[in-house]
Amino acid sequence: MAAILGIMAGTIFLLYSVYFYKIIKEEPHFFELELLRSLANWMISAGARSKTYLWMILALSILLEIAYFYLTLAHIPNPVITLFTYIIILLELFHLSRMGVAFHRFFKGQYLLRQVFSWPLERFSAGLFFTHSLLVVVTLLFFS
């Protein structure tokens, strides 16, 4: 199970490193705009199925986060990482709940696509996930 945690943490670290780099360089807006354009183009090409796909992606991300946090809490007995993990869990409960409400409003026609994402919250969440995954990888490599 520690290997699965290592793979998950390493994947999160690699995926978020590009965004985190853009945040540090103070250029996240261009990257976020490109993400938004890509999402809009994909939704246009997918048509009505995009609604189902987005809900499935949100559900899958919730399941993956549950697995990642469970594995972290089960395999890393470090109190600092445990506290950090609980803080991120609370943030992600808020973040994913907000995303669910925003998707619901978007699909009812109450939000524009650009209103679905709270970019400051996305940046904060990405920074925490990047840092957490780095700590998990380092802990697994050097302290387990």
Protein backbone atom coordinates (compact mmCIF):
# COMPACT_ATOMS: atom_id res chain seq x y z
CA MET A 1 0.00 0.00 0.00
CA ALA A 2 2.92 2.33 0.62
CA ALA A 3 3.91 1.82 -3.03
CA ILE A 4 0.43 2.88 -4.16
CA LEU A 5 0.69 5.97 -1.95
CA GLY A 6 4.10 6.72 -3.45
CA ILE A 7 2.74 6.40 -6.99
CA MET A 8 -0.24 8.61 -6.16
CA ALA A 9 1.90 11.25 -4.42
CA GLY A 10 4.46 11.21 -7.23
CA THR A 11 1.73 11.61 -9.85
CA ILE A 12 0.13 14.49 -7.94
CA PHE A 13 3.54 16.10 -7.54
CA LEU A 14 4.30 15.87 -11.26
CA LEU A 15 0.86 17.04 -12.39
CA TYR A 16 0.76 20.00 -10.03
CA SER A 17 4.39 21.02 -10.56
CA VAL A 18 3.58 22.79 -13.85
CA TYR A 19 0.75 24.80 -12.29
CA PHE A 20 2.76 25.48 -9.14
CA TYR A 21 5.65 26.75 -11.27
CA LYS A 22 3.25 29.12 -13.07
CA ILE A 23 1.92 30.33 -9.71
CA ILE A 24 5.42 31.03 -8.39
CA LYS A 25 6.40 32.85 -11.59
CA GLU A 26 3.23 34.97 -11.15
CA GLU A 27 1.92 33.89 -14.54
CA PRO A 28 -0.99 31.64 -13.59
CA HIS A 29 -3.59 33.70 -15.47
CA PHE A 30 -2.38 32.66 -18.93
CA PHE A 31 -2.28 29.02 -17.90
CA GLU A 32 -5.74 29.22 -16.31
CA LEU A 33 -7.16 30.93 -19.39
CA GLU A 34 -5.76 28.14 -21.55
CA LEU A 35 -7.30 25.54 -19.23
CA LEU A 36 -10.65 27.31 -19.46
CA ARG A 37 -10.46 27.52 -23.26
CA SER A 38 -9.55 23.86 -23.52
CA LEU A 39 -12.45 22.92 -21.25
CA ALA A 40 -14.86 25.05 -23.29
CA ASN A 41 -13.65 23.52 -26.56
CA TRP A 42 -13.93 20.02 -25.13
CA MET A 43 -17.46 20.73 -23.86
CA ILE A 44 -18.49 21.98 -27.29
CA SER A 45 -17.10 18.87 -28.98
CA ALA A 46 -18.59 16.51 -26.37
CA GLY A 47 -21.97 18.23 -26.46
CA ALA A 48 -24.59 17.18 -23.94
CA ARG A 49 -22.38 14.29 -22.75
CA SER A 50 -19.99 16.82 -21.21
CA LYS A 51 -22.38 17.32 -18.30
CA THR A 52 -22.26 13.63 -17.40
CA TYR A 53 -18.50 13.49 -17.95
CA LEU A 54 -17.84 16.49 -15.70
CA TRP A 55 -19.94 15.03 -12.90
CA MET A 56 -18.07 11.73 -13.31
CA ILE A 57 -14.72 13.55 -13.20
CA LEU A 58 -15.77 15.34 -10.00
CA ALA A 59 -16.88 12.04 -8.43
CA LEU A 60 -13.67 10.32 -9.50
CA SER A 61 -11.56 13.13 -8.06
CA ILE A 62 -13.41 12.80 -4.75
CA LEU A 63 -12.73 9.05 -4.67
CA LEU A 64 -9.06 9.51 -5.56
CA GLU A 65 -8.62 12.16 -2.89
CA ILE A 66 -10.27 9.91 -0.30
CA ALA A 67 -7.90 7.09 -1.25
CA TYR A 68 -4.84 9.37 -1.22
CA PHE A 69 -5.64 10.91 2.15
CA TYR A 70 -6.56 7.54 3.68
CA LEU A 71 -3.27 6.02 2.51
CA THR A 72 -1.35 9.03 3.80
CA LEU A 73 -2.95 8.83 7.23
CA ALA A 74 -2.55 5.04 7.35
CA HIS A 75 1.11 4.87 6.27
CA ILE A 76 2.78 8.04 7.51
CA PRO A 77 2.63 8.37 11.31
CA ASN A 78 4.33 11.77 11.31
CA PRO A 79 2.21 14.22 13.39
CA VAL A 80 3.11 17.22 11.20
CA ILE A 81 2.05 15.45 8.01
CA THR A 82 -1.06 14.13 9.77
CA LEU A 83 -2.07 17.66 10.81
CA PHE A 84 -1.28 19.01 7.33
CA THR A 85 -3.36 16.20 5.81
CA TYR A 86 -6.37 17.05 7.99
CA ILE A 87 -6.06 20.72 7.04
CA ILE A 88 -6.04 19.83 3.34
CA ILE A 89 -9.01 17.48 3.84
CA LEU A 90 -11.01 20.37 5.31
CA LEU A 91 -9.98 22.66 2.46
CA GLU A 92 -10.86 20.03 -0.14
CA LEU A 93 -14.27 19.44 1.45
CA PHE A 94 -14.94 23.14 0.94
CA HIS A 95 -13.31 23.23 -2.50
CA LEU A 96 -15.10 20.20 -3.95
CA SER A 97 -18.43 21.24 -2.41
CA ARG A 98 -18.01 24.64 -4.02
CA MET A 99 -17.20 22.97 -7.35
CA GLY A 100 -20.32 20.82 -7.09
CA VAL A 101 -22.50 23.87 -6.46
CA ALA A 102 -20.78 25.79 -9.27
CA PHE A 103 -21.28 22.93 -11.75
CA HIS A 104 -24.93 22.69 -10.72
CA ARG A 105 -25.42 26.42 -11.28
CA PHE A 106 -23.52 26.31 -14.57
CA PHE A 107 -25.65 23.49 -15.94
CA LYS A 108 -28.82 25.32 -14.85
CA GLY A 109 -27.64 28.37 -16.80
CA GLN A 110 -27.04 30.51 -13.71
CA TYR A 111 -23.23 30.66 -14.13
CA LEU A 112 -20.97 31.27 -17.07
CA LEU A 113 -18.14 28.79 -17.46
CA ARG A 114 -15.60 31.32 -16.22
CA GLN A 115 -17.57 31.62 -12.95
CA VAL A 116 -17.29 27.92 -12.19
CA PHE A 117 -13.68 28.16 -11.05
CA SER A 118 -12.45 30.29 -8.18
CA TRP A 119 -8.90 30.72 -9.41
CA PRO A 120 -7.48 32.00 -6.09
CA LEU A 121 -8.92 28.90 -4.41
CA GLU A 122 -7.62 26.68 -7.22
CA ARG A 123 -4.13 28.17 -6.80
CA PHE A 124 -4.20 27.76 -3.03
CA SER A 125 -5.41 24.17 -3.32
CA ALA A 126 -2.78 23.39 -5.97
CA GLY A 127 -0.03 24.84 -3.80
CA LEU A 128 -1.11 22.77 -0.81
CA PHE A 129 -1.43 19.59 -2.87
CA PHE A 130 1.98 20.18 -4.45
CA THR A 131 3.59 20.72 -1.05
CA HIS A 132 1.78 17.79 0.56
CA SER A 133 2.68 15.38 -2.23
CA LEU A 134 6.32 16.49 -2.06
CA LEU A 135 6.37 15.88 1.70
CA VAL A 136 4.78 12.45 1.24
CA VAL A 137 7.28 11.45 -1.47
CA VAL A 138 10.25 12.65 0.61
CA THR A 139 8.91 10.90 3.73
CA LEU A 140 8.36 7.64 1.88
CA LEU A 141 11.79 7.77 0.23
CA PHE A 142 13.88 8.78 3.22
CA PHE A 143 11.97 8.07 6.44
CA SER A 144 10.07 4.83 5.84
